[in-house]
């Protein structure tokens, strides 16, 4: 009887050790953990293949808690993408003080810092979810692209780009996104090399666009010259 009781107590003690202690977290911190878990899953699978139970399990939370904070999977998905987009946009804030190409290179470094440090968020933002990104989801992704466009135009002191410049800039931004996803998948090129390639890519795009618009030619000269507008 005594040995049976002792064995039971040892089993209960071992179970208690095996169970992770429930942590008390602030509302903001708990939301962040749930969104981080969701981004990780959404970066690996299509949205339709991720359930609330999957997110709860990955975050070490209950299903009810996910519903309590977000209402449902779509609300969680939107909130997680908004969080990733806001963090990326924060990284894109210009530092100022450098020549145009130096500023561009600095912006790319900060962009790829985010890609490296928040791989799941970046991948979910640009690759996860439905193929047709319309409505609210599409607007989140487009907001990041518009911010990049505005920052580049501001650095170049351009208020309204002509068609050739607009196409060149949008093409370059798409190339940066693709390069980020490719680098996360393969990581077979050093980041500084990739960043220099992308700077050279912009210069090359501007060179082509300059044949069709004198405005781009002036910008190209400023970009590769002493930085004077």
C-alpha atoms as a PDB file:
ATOM      1  CA  UNK A   1       0.000   0.000   0.000  1.00  0.00           C
ATOM      2  CA  UNK A   2       2.798   2.350   0.989  1.00  0.00           C
ATOM      3  CA  UNK A   3       4.819   1.586  -2.142  1.00  0.00           C
ATOM      4  CA  UNK A   4       1.752   2.076  -4.344  1.00  0.00           C
ATOM      5  CA  UNK A   5       1.104   5.451  -2.735  1.00  0.00           C
ATOM      6  CA  UNK A   6       4.758   6.415  -3.142  1.00  0.00           C
ATOM      7  CA  UNK A   7       4.743   5.438  -6.818  1.00  0.00           C
ATOM      8  CA  UNK A   8       1.605   7.512  -7.400  1.00  0.00           C
ATOM      9  CA  UNK A   9       3.181  10.514  -5.706  1.00  0.00           C
ATOM     10  CA  UNK A  10       6.319  10.106  -7.857  1.00  0.00           C
ATOM     11  CA  UNK A  11       4.160   9.875 -11.003  1.00  0.00           C
ATOM     12  CA  UNK A  12       2.251  13.037 -10.054  1.00  0.00           C
ATOM     13  CA  UNK A  13       5.514  14.799  -9.313  1.00  0.00           C
ATOM     14  CA  UNK A  14       6.990  13.763 -12.680  1.00  0.00           C
ATOM     15  CA  UNK A  15       3.837  14.896 -14.490  1.00  0.00           C
ATOM     16  CA  UNK A  16       4.010  18.262 -12.776  1.00  0.00           C
ATOM     17  CA  UNK A  17       7.586  18.687 -13.917  1.00  0.00           C
ATOM     18  CA  UNK A  18       6.688  17.650 -17.486  1.00  0.00           C
ATOM     19  CA  UNK A  19       3.851  20.179 -17.754  1.00  0.00           C
ATOM     20  CA  UNK A  20       5.110  23.677 -18.625  1.00  0.00           C
ATOM     21  CA  UNK A  21       4.147  26.284 -16.074  1.00  0.00           C
ATOM     22  CA  UNK A  22       1.375  28.584 -17.243  1.00  0.00           C
ATOM     23  CA  UNK A  23       2.818  32.056 -17.708  1.00  0.00           C
ATOM     24  CA  UNK A  24       1.090  35.275 -16.885  1.00  0.00           C
ATOM     25  CA  UNK A  25       1.468  37.613 -19.851  1.00  0.00           C
ATOM     26  CA  UNK A  26       0.158  41.066 -20.596  1.00  0.00           C
ATOM     27  CA  UNK A  27      -2.572  41.387 -23.221  1.00  0.00           C
ATOM     28  CA  UNK A  28      -0.140  42.933 -25.718  1.00  0.00           C
ATOM     29  CA  UNK A  29       2.508  40.298 -25.118  1.00  0.00           C
ATOM     30  CA  UNK A  30       0.016  37.442 -25.488  1.00  0.00           C
ATOM     31  CA  UNK A  31      -1.305  38.949 -28.739  1.00  0.00           C
ATOM     32  CA  UNK A  32       2.261  39.261 -30.038  1.00  0.00           C
ATOM     33  CA  UNK A  33       2.960  35.603 -29.256  1.00  0.00           C
ATOM     34  CA  UNK A  34      -0.205  34.472 -31.008  1.00  0.00           C
ATOM     35  CA  UNK A  35       0.575  36.604 -34.069  1.00  0.00           C
ATOM     36  CA  UNK A  36       4.166  35.350 -34.174  1.00  0.00           C
ATOM     37  CA  UNK A  37       2.952  31.742 -34.095  1.00  0.00           C
ATOM     38  CA  UNK A  38       0.398  32.503 -36.801  1.00  0.00           C
ATOM     39  CA  UNK A  39       2.992  34.161 -39.053  1.00  0.00           C
ATOM     40  CA  UNK A  40       5.257  31.137 -38.748  1.00  0.00           C
ATOM     41  CA  UNK A  41       2.453  28.822 -39.827  1.00  0.00           C
ATOM     42  CA  UNK A  42       1.127  31.117 -42.566  1.00  0.00           C
ATOM     43  CA  UNK A  43       4.641  31.398 -44.024  1.00  0.00           C
ATOM     44  CA  UNK A  44       4.815  27.602 -44.387  1.00  0.00           C
ATOM     45  CA  UNK A  45       1.287  26.734 -45.473  1.00  0.00           C
ATOM     46  CA  UNK A  46      -1.649  28.211 -47.333  1.00  0.00           C
ATOM     47  CA  UNK A  47      -4.108  29.999 -45.061  1.00  0.00           C
ATOM     48  CA  UNK A  48      -6.761  27.361 -45.708  1.00  0.00           C
ATOM     49  CA  UNK A  49      -4.467  24.696 -44.285  1.00  0.00           C
ATOM     50  CA  UNK A  50      -3.867  26.489 -40.984  1.00  0.00           C
ATOM     51  CA  UNK A  51      -6.476  26.123 -38.243  1.00  0.00           C
ATOM     52  CA  UNK A  52      -7.071  28.033 -35.034  1.00  0.00           C
ATOM     53  CA  UNK A  53      -6.090  24.844 -33.205  1.00  0.00           C
ATOM     54  CA  UNK A  54      -2.743  24.853 -35.067  1.00  0.00           C
ATOM     55  CA  UNK A  55      -2.050  28.421 -33.972  1.00  0.00           C
ATOM     56  CA  UNK A  56      -3.107  27.746 -30.381  1.00  0.00           C
ATOM     57  CA  UNK A  57      -0.885  24.669 -30.189  1.00  0.00           C
ATOM     58  CA  UNK A  58       2.120  26.486 -31.677  1.00  0.00           C
ATOM     59  CA  UNK A  59       1.702  29.368 -29.212  1.00  0.00           C
ATOM     60  CA  UNK A  60       1.064  27.131 -26.200  1.00  0.00           C
ATOM     61  CA  UNK A  61      -2.346  28.719 -25.706  1.00  0.00           C
ATOM     62  CA  UNK A  62      -5.932  27.545 -25.710  1.00  0.00           C
ATOM     63  CA  UNK A  63      -8.242  27.671 -28.714  1.00  0.00           C
ATOM     64  CA  UNK A  64     -10.624  29.834 -26.724  1.00  0.00           C
ATOM     65  CA  UNK A  65      -7.877  32.365 -26.036  1.00  0.00           C
ATOM     66  CA  UNK A  66      -7.156  32.804 -29.764  1.00  0.00           C
ATOM     67  CA  UNK A  67     -10.846  33.441 -30.400  1.00  0.00           C
ATOM     68  CA  UNK A  68     -10.952  35.810 -27.430  1.00  0.00           C
ATOM     69  CA  UNK A  69      -8.201  38.020 -28.850  1.00  0.00           C
ATOM     70  CA  UNK A  70      -8.948  37.813 -32.562  1.00  0.00           C
ATOM     71  CA  UNK A  71     -12.467  36.503 -33.144  1.00  0.00           C
ATOM     72  CA  UNK A  72     -11.458  34.082 -35.889  1.00  0.00           C
ATOM     73  CA  UNK A  73      -8.751  32.950 -38.298  1.00  0.00           C
ATOM     74  CA  UNK A  74      -9.249  35.734 -40.841  1.00  0.00           C
ATOM     75  CA  UNK A  75      -9.010  38.402 -38.152  1.00  0.00           C
ATOM     76  CA  UNK A  76      -5.847  36.755 -36.816  1.00  0.00           C
ATOM     77  CA  UNK A  77      -4.357  36.524 -40.316  1.00  0.00           C
ATOM     78  CA  UNK A  78      -5.024  40.206 -41.029  1.00  0.00           C
ATOM     79  CA  UNK A  79      -3.658  41.299 -37.640  1.00  0.00           C
ATOM     80  CA  UNK A  80      -0.504  39.196 -38.095  1.00  0.00           C
ATOM     81  CA  UNK A  81       0.160  40.598 -41.571  1.00  0.00           C
ATOM     82  CA  UNK A  82      -0.458  44.154 -40.370  1.00  0.00           C
ATOM     83  CA  UNK A  83       2.081  43.586 -37.610  1.00  0.00           C
ATOM     84  CA  UNK A  84       4.682  42.307 -40.069  1.00  0.00           C
ATOM     85  CA  UNK A  85       4.016  45.176 -42.477  1.00  0.00           C
ATOM     86  CA  UNK A  86       4.298  47.786 -39.715  1.00  0.00           C
ATOM     87  CA  UNK A  87       7.632  46.368 -38.568  1.00  0.00           C
ATOM     88  CA  UNK A  88       8.986  46.341 -42.119  1.00  0.00           C
ATOM     89  CA  UNK A  89       7.819  49.890 -42.806  1.00  0.00           C
ATOM     90  CA  UNK A  90       9.538  51.038 -39.612  1.00  0.00           C
ATOM     91  CA  UNK A  91      12.812  49.605 -40.927  1.00  0.00           C
ATOM     92  CA  UNK A  92      12.401  51.592 -44.128  1.00  0.00           C
ATOM     93  CA  UNK A  93      12.596  54.970 -42.420  1.00  0.00           C
ATOM     94  CA  UNK A  94      15.421  56.905 -44.115  1.00  0.00           C
ATOM     95  CA  UNK A  95      18.488  57.726 -42.031  1.00  0.00           C
ATOM     96  CA  UNK A  96      19.620  60.685 -44.141  1.00  0.00           C
ATOM     97  CA  UNK A  97      23.003  62.284 -44.602  1.00  0.00           C
ATOM     98  CA  UNK A  98      24.431  60.074 -47.339  1.00  0.00           C
ATOM     99  CA  UNK A  99      24.773  60.171 -51.093  1.00  0.00           C
ATOM    100  CA  UNK A 100      21.831  58.737 -53.088  1.00  0.00           C
ATOM    101  CA  UNK A 101      23.393  55.327 -53.712  1.00  0.00           C
ATOM    102  CA  UNK A 102      24.593  55.147 -50.098  1.00  0.00           C
ATOM    103  CA  UNK A 103      21.068  55.907 -48.902  1.00  0.00           C
ATOM    104  CA  UNK A 104      19.689  53.244 -51.226  1.00  0.00           C
ATOM    105  CA  UNK A 105      22.229  50.694 -49.994  1.00  0.00           C
ATOM    106  CA  UNK A 106      21.425  51.580 -46.381  1.00  0.00           C
ATOM    107  CA  UNK A 107      17.721  51.095 -46.996  1.00  0.00           C
ATOM    108  CA  UNK A 108      18.399  47.686 -48.523  1.00  0.00           C
ATOM    109  CA  UNK A 109      20.490  46.668 -45.504  1.00  0.00           C
ATOM    110  CA  UNK A 110      17.642  47.549 -43.160  1.00  0.00           C
ATOM    111  CA  UNK A 111      15.173  45.757 -45.446  1.00  0.00           C
ATOM    112  CA  UNK A 112      17.239  42.563 -45.412  1.00  0.00           C
ATOM    113  CA  UNK A 113      17.801  42.903 -41.663  1.00  0.00           C
ATOM    114  CA  UNK A 114      14.048  42.528 -41.370  1.00  0.00           C
ATOM    115  CA  UNK A 115      14.011  39.632 -43.856  1.00  0.00           C
ATOM    116  CA  UNK A 116      16.660  37.807 -41.827  1.00  0.00           C
ATOM    117  CA  UNK A 117      15.323  38.581 -38.347  1.00  0.00           C
ATOM    118  CA  UNK A 118      11.632  38.112 -39.182  1.00  0.00           C
ATOM    119  CA  UNK A 119      11.718  35.461 -41.890  1.00  0.00           C
ATOM    120  CA  UNK A 120       8.258  34.100 -41.072  1.00  0.00           C
ATOM    121  CA  UNK A 121       6.664  37.550 -41.129  1.00  0.00           C
ATOM    122  CA  UNK A 122       8.295  38.476 -44.426  1.00  0.00           C
ATOM    123  CA  UNK A 123       7.389  35.188 -46.080  1.00  0.00           C
ATOM    124  CA  UNK A 124       3.808  35.317 -44.815  1.00  0.00           C
ATOM    125  CA  UNK A 125       3.443  38.915 -45.950  1.00  0.00           C
ATOM    126  CA  UNK A 126       4.571  38.243 -49.518  1.00  0.00           C
ATOM    127  CA  UNK A 127       3.967  34.546 -50.112  1.00  0.00           C
ATOM    128  CA  UNK A 128       1.419  33.165 -47.659  1.00  0.00           C
ATOM    129  CA  UNK A 129      -2.324  33.197 -48.123  1.00  0.00           C
ATOM    130  CA  UNK A 130      -4.550  33.232 -51.192  1.00  0.00           C
ATOM    131  CA  UNK A 131      -3.003  33.622 -54.623  1.00  0.00           C
ATOM    132  CA  UNK A 132      -5.435  36.420 -55.375  1.00  0.00           C
ATOM    133  CA  UNK A 133      -4.585  39.007 -52.743  1.00  0.00           C
ATOM    134  CA  UNK A 134      -7.543  41.338 -53.022  1.00  0.00           C
ATOM    135  CA  UNK A 135      -9.342  43.414 -50.419  1.00  0.00           C
ATOM    136  CA  UNK A 136      -7.784  43.978 -47.021  1.00  0.00           C
ATOM    137  CA  UNK A 137      -4.909  41.529 -47.478  1.00  0.00           C
ATOM    138  CA  UNK A 138      -3.879  43.050 -50.789  1.00  0.00           C
ATOM    139  CA  UNK A 139      -4.027  46.530 -49.276  1.00  0.00           C
ATOM    140  CA  UNK A 140      -1.588  45.532 -46.517  1.00  0.00           C
ATOM    141  CA  UNK A 141       0.971  44.284 -49.040  1.00  0.00           C
ATOM    142  CA  UNK A 142       0.472  47.288 -51.318  1.00  0.00           C
ATOM    143  CA  UNK A 143       0.947  49.685 -48.395  1.00  0.00           C
ATOM    144  CA  UNK A 144       4.522  48.438 -47.954  1.00  0.00           C
ATOM    145  CA  UNK A 145       5.222  48.817 -51.672  1.00  0.00           C
ATOM    146  CA  UNK A 146       3.787  52.335 -51.719  1.00  0.00           C
ATOM    147  CA  UNK A 147       5.932  53.273 -48.744  1.00  0.00           C
ATOM    148  CA  UNK A 148       9.063  52.026 -50.488  1.00  0.00           C
ATOM    149  CA  UNK A 149       8.071  53.956 -53.600  1.00  0.00           C
ATOM    150  CA  UNK A 150       7.500  57.176 -51.637  1.00  0.00           C
ATOM    151  CA  UNK A 151      10.794  56.878 -49.771  1.00  0.00           C
ATOM    152  CA  UNK A 152      12.788  56.338 -52.953  1.00  0.00           C
ATOM    153  CA  UNK A 153      11.027  59.244 -54.662  1.00  0.00           C
ATOM    154  CA  UNK A 154      11.668  61.457 -51.656  1.00  0.00           C
ATOM    155  CA  UNK A 155      15.368  60.627 -51.699  1.00  0.00           C
ATOM    156  CA  UNK A 156      15.455  61.485 -55.395  1.00  0.00           C
ATOM    157  CA  UNK A 157      13.354  64.616 -54.856  1.00  0.00           C
ATOM    158  CA  UNK A 158      10.694  63.502 -57.289  1.00  0.00           C
ATOM    159  CA  UNK A 159       7.102  64.483 -56.589  1.00  0.00           C
ATOM    160  CA  UNK A 160       5.355  62.777 -59.492  1.00  0.00           C
ATOM    161  CA  UNK A 161       7.151  60.085 -61.533  1.00  0.00           C
ATOM    162  CA  UNK A 162       6.594  59.811 -65.238  1.00  0.00           C
ATOM    163  CA  UNK A 163       5.482  56.475 -66.723  1.00  0.00           C
ATOM    164  CA  UNK A 164       9.014  55.223 -67.445  1.00  0.00           C
ATOM    165  CA  UNK A 165      10.263  56.047 -63.932  1.00  0.00           C
ATOM    166  CA  UNK A 166       7.146  54.592 -62.304  1.00  0.00           C
ATOM    167  CA  UNK A 167       7.544  51.307 -64.198  1.00  0.00           C
ATOM    168  CA  UNK A 168      11.265  51.145 -63.368  1.00  0.00           C
ATOM    169  CA  UNK A 169      10.661  51.733 -59.660  1.00  0.00           C
ATOM    170  CA  UNK A 170       7.804  49.263 -59.384  1.00  0.00           C
ATOM    171  CA  UNK A 171       9.830  46.658 -61.274  1.00  0.00           C
ATOM    172  CA  UNK A 172      12.748  47.172 -58.906  1.00  0.00           C
ATOM    173  CA  UNK A 173      10.585  46.857 -55.799  1.00  0.00           C
ATOM    174  CA  UNK A 174       9.165  43.585 -57.157  1.00  0.00           C
ATOM    175  CA  UNK A 175      12.738  42.375 -57.748  1.00  0.00           C
ATOM    176  CA  UNK A 176      13.703  43.210 -54.158  1.00  0.00           C
ATOM    177  CA  UNK A 177      10.736  41.210 -52.841  1.00  0.00           C
ATOM    178  CA  UNK A 178      11.571  38.239 -55.062  1.00  0.00           C
ATOM    179  CA  UNK A 179      15.233  38.409 -54.044  1.00  0.00           C
ATOM    180  CA  UNK A 180      14.232  38.369 -50.370  1.00  0.00           C
ATOM    181  CA  UNK A 181      12.072  35.268 -50.787  1.00  0.00           C
ATOM    182  CA  UNK A 182      14.737  33.528 -52.866  1.00  0.00           C
ATOM    183  CA  UNK A 183      17.426  34.314 -50.297  1.00  0.00           C
ATOM    184  CA  UNK A 184      15.291  32.881 -47.491  1.00  0.00           C
ATOM    185  CA  UNK A 185      14.754  29.709 -49.484  1.00  0.00           C
ATOM    186  CA  UNK A 186      18.341  29.114 -50.617  1.00  0.00           C
ATOM    187  CA  UNK A 187      20.741  31.339 -48.654  1.00  0.00           C
ATOM    188  CA  UNK A 188      23.469  30.448 -51.157  1.00  0.00           C
ATOM    189  CA  UNK A 189      24.591  34.021 -51.752  1.00  0.00           C
ATOM    190  CA  UNK A 190      26.036  36.371 -49.154  1.00  0.00           C
ATOM    191  CA  UNK A 191      23.711  39.168 -48.149  1.00  0.00           C
ATOM    192  CA  UNK A 192      26.137  42.025 -48.945  1.00  0.00           C
ATOM    193  CA  UNK A 193      26.637  40.598 -52.437  1.00  0.00           C
ATOM    194  CA  UNK A 194      22.881  40.358 -52.990  1.00  0.00           C
ATOM    195  CA  UNK A 195      22.351  43.903 -51.741  1.00  0.00           C
ATOM    196  CA  UNK A 196      25.034  45.251 -54.099  1.00  0.00           C
ATOM    197  CA  UNK A 197      23.420  43.332 -56.964  1.00  0.00           C
ATOM    198  CA  UNK A 198      20.115  45.031 -56.238  1.00  0.00           C
ATOM    199  CA  UNK A 199      21.710  48.475 -56.169  1.00  0.00           C
ATOM    200  CA  UNK A 200      23.330  47.721 -59.537  1.00  0.00           C
ATOM    201  CA  UNK A 201      19.970  46.435 -60.749  1.00  0.00           C
ATOM    202  CA  UNK A 202      18.324  49.781 -60.038  1.00  0.00           C
ATOM    203  CA  UNK A 203      21.092  51.625 -61.882  1.00  0.00           C
ATOM    204  CA  UNK A 204      20.656  49.266 -64.855  1.00  0.00           C
ATOM    205  CA  UNK A 205      16.864  49.738 -64.874  1.00  0.00           C
ATOM    206  CA  UNK A 206      17.292  53.499 -64.805  1.00  0.00           C
ATOM    207  CA  UNK A 207      19.754  53.234 -67.680  1.00  0.00           C
ATOM    208  CA  UNK A 208      17.133  51.483 -69.803  1.00  0.00           C
ATOM    209  CA  UNK A 209      14.329  53.837 -68.730  1.00  0.00           C
ATOM    210  CA  UNK A 210      16.514  56.876 -69.482  1.00  0.00           C
ATOM    211  CA  UNK A 211      16.326  55.969 -73.178  1.00  0.00           C
ATOM    212  CA  UNK A 212      12.596  56.626 -72.990  1.00  0.00           C
ATOM    213  CA  UNK A 213      12.375  59.570 -70.572  1.00  0.00           C
ATOM    214  CA  UNK A 214      14.871  62.419 -70.048  1.00  0.00           C
ATOM    215  CA  UNK A 215      13.671  62.752 -66.425  1.00  0.00           C
ATOM    216  CA  UNK A 216      15.098  59.331 -65.643  1.00  0.00           C
ATOM    217  CA  UNK A 217      18.375  60.277 -67.267  1.00  0.00           C
ATOM    218  CA  UNK A 218      18.715  63.278 -64.950  1.00  0.00           C
ATOM    219  CA  UNK A 219      17.923  61.106 -61.950  1.00  0.00           C
ATOM    220  CA  UNK A 220      20.436  58.504 -63.036  1.00  0.00           C
ATOM    221  CA  UNK A 221      23.119  61.172 -63.245  1.00  0.00           C
ATOM    222  CA  UNK A 222      22.224  62.388 -59.750  1.00  0.00           C
ATOM    223  CA  UNK A 223      22.113  58.830 -58.435  1.00  0.00           C
ATOM    224  CA  UNK A 224      25.558  57.890 -59.714  1.00  0.00           C
ATOM    225  CA  UNK A 225      27.126  61.337 -59.347  1.00  0.00           C
ATOM    226  CA  UNK A 226      27.763  63.453 -56.275  1.00  0.00           C
ATOM    227  CA  UNK A 227      24.170  63.281 -55.058  1.00  0.00           C
ATOM    228  CA  UNK A 228      23.200  66.799 -56.171  1.00  0.00           C
ATOM    229  CA  UNK A 229      19.634  67.111 -57.421  1.00  0.00           C
END
